[in-house]
Amino acid sequence: MSDPAKVYRVREWPRYFENSRSRVIERLSWVPIPNHHDGDRYGELLDHEAGLAHYGCWVLMVQVASKCKPRGVLLKSTGEPHTAASIARMVRGEAETFKTAMGRLLAIGWLEE
């Protein structure tokens, strides 16, 4: 799941999380997020007892990824890979919830290594 040696990135970042305005901004303070809730992957993510919590983790990871260089790749400012624990610390969440969410997000294809 969340291995400190692995680099995770948001799948298809430019397609889903960039637009003509965001592409000209060097450091984002916002990120466009798709708002359709009828896809199979969304349904699969929410079809779990902690599905809403995992979706919350996803949105927070997208927000963190929007500030990373390169955008969409979960890297710290030092260049080290983010882990479930480091993201949880940043956003004041629970590391175990992020770890589980990351595994599920990898499985459905929203995150990739």
C-alpha atoms as a PDB file:
ATOM      1  CA  MET A   1       0.000   0.000   0.000  1.00  0.00           C
ATOM      2  CA  SER A   2       1.749   3.170   1.135  1.00  0.00           C
ATOM      3  CA  ASP A   3       5.448   2.321   0.880  1.00  0.00           C
ATOM      4  CA  PRO A   4       7.927   5.114   1.717  1.00  0.00           C
ATOM      5  CA  ALA A   5      10.125   4.159  -1.262  1.00  0.00           C
ATOM      6  CA  LYS A   6       7.289   4.458  -3.800  1.00  0.00           C
ATOM      7  CA  VAL A   7       6.249   7.602  -5.610  1.00  0.00           C
ATOM      8  CA  TYR A   8       2.524   7.967  -6.137  1.00  0.00           C
ATOM      9  CA  ARG A   9       0.855  10.193  -8.681  1.00  0.00           C
ATOM     10  CA  VAL A  10      -2.679  11.119  -9.510  1.00  0.00           C
ATOM     11  CA  ARG A  11      -3.642   9.292 -12.687  1.00  0.00           C
ATOM     12  CA  GLU A  12      -4.333  11.566 -15.662  1.00  0.00           C
ATOM     13  CA  TRP A  13      -3.637  14.724 -13.648  1.00  0.00           C
ATOM     14  CA  PRO A  14      -3.576  17.148 -16.629  1.00  0.00           C
ATOM     15  CA  ARG A  15      -6.842  15.798 -18.036  1.00  0.00           C
ATOM     16  CA  TYR A  16      -8.900  15.973 -14.857  1.00  0.00           C
ATOM     17  CA  PHE A  17      -7.234  18.519 -12.564  1.00  0.00           C
ATOM     18  CA  GLU A  18      -5.856  21.224 -14.826  1.00  0.00           C
ATOM     19  CA  ASN A  19      -7.605  23.765 -16.983  1.00  0.00           C
ATOM     20  CA  SER A  20      -6.576  26.766 -19.082  1.00  0.00           C
ATOM     21  CA  ARG A  21      -6.411  28.997 -15.994  1.00  0.00           C
ATOM     22  CA  SER A  22      -4.519  26.591 -13.742  1.00  0.00           C
ATOM     23  CA  ARG A  23      -1.882  25.883 -16.394  1.00  0.00           C
ATOM     24  CA  VAL A  24      -0.638  29.491 -16.299  1.00  0.00           C
ATOM     25  CA  ILE A  25      -0.418  29.702 -12.500  1.00  0.00           C
ATOM     26  CA  GLU A  26       2.900  28.680 -10.994  1.00  0.00           C
ATOM     27  CA  ARG A  27       1.617  27.859  -7.478  1.00  0.00           C
ATOM     28  CA  LEU A  28      -2.011  26.844  -7.119  1.00  0.00           C
ATOM     29  CA  SER A  29      -4.135  27.756  -4.112  1.00  0.00           C
ATOM     30  CA  TRP A  30      -7.111  25.860  -5.594  1.00  0.00           C
ATOM     31  CA  VAL A  31      -7.661  22.874  -7.869  1.00  0.00           C
ATOM     32  CA  PRO A  32     -10.555  22.073 -10.218  1.00  0.00           C
ATOM     33  CA  ILE A  33     -12.175  18.783  -9.205  1.00  0.00           C
ATOM     34  CA  PRO A  34     -14.624  16.868 -11.410  1.00  0.00           C
ATOM     35  CA  ASN A  35     -18.115  16.825  -9.935  1.00  0.00           C
ATOM     36  CA  HIS A  36     -19.745  13.842 -11.611  1.00  0.00           C
ATOM     37  CA  HIS A  37     -20.677  11.033  -9.263  1.00  0.00           C
ATOM     38  CA  ASP A  38     -22.002   8.390 -11.628  1.00  0.00           C
ATOM     39  CA  GLY A  39     -18.829   6.582 -12.692  1.00  0.00           C
ATOM     40  CA  ASP A  40     -17.947   2.983 -11.873  1.00  0.00           C
ATOM     41  CA  ARG A  41     -14.739   3.916 -10.066  1.00  0.00           C
ATOM     42  CA  TYR A  42     -16.523   6.447  -7.884  1.00  0.00           C
ATOM     43  CA  GLY A  43     -19.152   3.839  -7.060  1.00  0.00           C
ATOM     44  CA  GLU A  44     -16.483   1.267  -6.284  1.00  0.00           C
ATOM     45  CA  LEU A  45     -14.693   3.692  -3.965  1.00  0.00           C
ATOM     46  CA  LEU A  46     -17.869   4.518  -2.063  1.00  0.00           C
ATOM     47  CA  ASP A  47     -19.010   0.890  -1.918  1.00  0.00           C
ATOM     48  CA  HIS A  48     -17.103   0.326   1.315  1.00  0.00           C
ATOM     49  CA  GLU A  49     -17.912   1.003   4.953  1.00  0.00           C
ATOM     50  CA  ALA A  50     -15.300   3.794   4.946  1.00  0.00           C
ATOM     51  CA  GLY A  51     -16.007   4.894   1.370  1.00  0.00           C
ATOM     52  CA  LEU A  52     -16.875   8.486   2.223  1.00  0.00           C
ATOM     53  CA  ALA A  53     -13.750   8.800   4.387  1.00  0.00           C
ATOM     54  CA  HIS A  54     -11.665   7.399   1.521  1.00  0.00           C
ATOM     55  CA  TYR A  55     -13.236   9.890  -0.894  1.00  0.00           C
ATOM     56  CA  GLY A  56     -12.319  12.637   1.575  1.00  0.00           C
ATOM     57  CA  CYS A  57      -8.750  11.318   1.581  1.00  0.00           C
ATOM     58  CA  TRP A  58      -8.784  11.390  -2.217  1.00  0.00           C
ATOM     59  CA  VAL A  59      -9.852  15.035  -2.366  1.00  0.00           C
ATOM     60  CA  LEU A  60      -7.215  15.973   0.211  1.00  0.00           C
ATOM     61  CA  MET A  61      -4.539  14.063  -1.752  1.00  0.00           C
ATOM     62  CA  VAL A  62      -5.546  15.915  -4.925  1.00  0.00           C
ATOM     63  CA  GLN A  63      -5.196  19.198  -3.038  1.00  0.00           C
ATOM     64  CA  VAL A  64      -1.756  18.194  -1.736  1.00  0.00           C
ATOM     65  CA  ALA A  65      -0.730  17.034  -5.227  1.00  0.00           C
ATOM     66  CA  SER A  66      -1.756  20.405  -6.662  1.00  0.00           C
ATOM     67  CA  LYS A  67       1.057  22.016  -4.647  1.00  0.00           C
ATOM     68  CA  CYS A  68       3.717  19.430  -5.485  1.00  0.00           C
ATOM     69  CA  LYS A  69       6.377  19.752  -8.167  1.00  0.00           C
ATOM     70  CA  PRO A  70       5.565  18.363 -10.612  1.00  0.00           C
ATOM     71  CA  ARG A  71       1.864  18.783 -10.040  1.00  0.00           C
ATOM     72  CA  GLY A  72      -0.022  15.582  -9.535  1.00  0.00           C
ATOM     73  CA  VAL A  73       3.003  13.691  -8.188  1.00  0.00           C
ATOM     74  CA  LEU A  74       2.932  13.184  -4.421  1.00  0.00           C
ATOM     75  CA  LEU A  75       6.409  14.467  -3.577  1.00  0.00           C
ATOM     76  CA  LYS A  76       7.521  16.553  -0.607  1.00  0.00           C
ATOM     77  CA  SER A  77       9.369  19.822  -1.193  1.00  0.00           C
ATOM     78  CA  THR A  78      12.575  17.862  -0.450  1.00  0.00           C
ATOM     79  CA  GLY A  79      11.867  15.563  -3.405  1.00  0.00           C
ATOM     80  CA  GLU A  80      11.121  12.607  -1.127  1.00  0.00           C
ATOM     81  CA  PRO A  81       7.911  10.664  -1.785  1.00  0.00           C
ATOM     82  CA  HIS A  82       4.894  11.465   0.323  1.00  0.00           C
ATOM     83  CA  THR A  83       3.537   8.602   2.403  1.00  0.00           C
ATOM     84  CA  ALA A  84       0.151   8.068   3.975  1.00  0.00           C
ATOM     85  CA  ALA A  85       1.628   9.339   7.244  1.00  0.00           C
ATOM     86  CA  SER A  86       3.155  12.491   5.743  1.00  0.00           C
ATOM     87  CA  ILE A  87      -0.052  13.413   3.940  1.00  0.00           C
ATOM     88  CA  ALA A  88      -2.100  12.726   7.065  1.00  0.00           C
ATOM     89  CA  ARG A  89       0.181  15.039   9.065  1.00  0.00           C
ATOM     90  CA  MET A  90      -0.198  17.808   6.482  1.00  0.00           C
ATOM     91  CA  VAL A  91      -3.984  17.702   6.379  1.00  0.00           C
ATOM     92  CA  ARG A  92      -4.519  16.719  10.034  1.00  0.00           C
ATOM     93  CA  GLY A  93      -5.960  13.319   9.189  1.00  0.00           C
ATOM     94  CA  GLU A  94      -5.416   9.739  10.319  1.00  0.00           C
ATOM     95  CA  ALA A  95      -2.501   7.905   8.732  1.00  0.00           C
ATOM     96  CA  GLU A  96      -4.240   4.518   8.839  1.00  0.00           C
ATOM     97  CA  THR A  97      -7.258   5.901   6.968  1.00  0.00           C
ATOM     98  CA  PHE A  98      -4.972   7.387   4.300  1.00  0.00           C
ATOM     99  CA  LYS A  99      -3.015   4.132   4.038  1.00  0.00           C
ATOM    100  CA  THR A 100      -6.194   2.138   3.425  1.00  0.00           C
ATOM    101  CA  ALA A 101      -7.535   4.779   1.043  1.00  0.00           C
ATOM    102  CA  MET A 102      -4.299   4.808  -0.958  1.00  0.00           C
ATOM    103  CA  GLY A 103      -4.475   1.048  -1.437  1.00  0.00           C
ATOM    104  CA  ARG A 104      -8.045   1.304  -2.651  1.00  0.00           C
ATOM    105  CA  LEU A 105      -7.239   4.275  -4.907  1.00  0.00           C
ATOM    106  CA  LEU A 106      -4.392   2.288  -6.474  1.00  0.00           C
ATOM    107  CA  ALA A 107      -6.733  -0.659  -7.017  1.00  0.00           C
ATOM    108  CA  ILE A 108      -9.391   1.418  -8.791  1.00  0.00           C
ATOM    109  CA  GLY A 109      -6.798   3.326 -10.830  1.00  0.00           C
ATOM    110  CA  TRP A 110      -7.130   6.843  -9.459  1.00  0.00           C
ATOM    111  CA  LEU A 111      -3.576   6.696  -8.086  1.00  0.00           C
ATOM    112  CA  GLU A 112      -0.610   5.042  -9.770  1.00  0.00           C
ATOM    113  CA  GLU A 113       2.984   4.237  -8.817  1.00  0.00           C
END
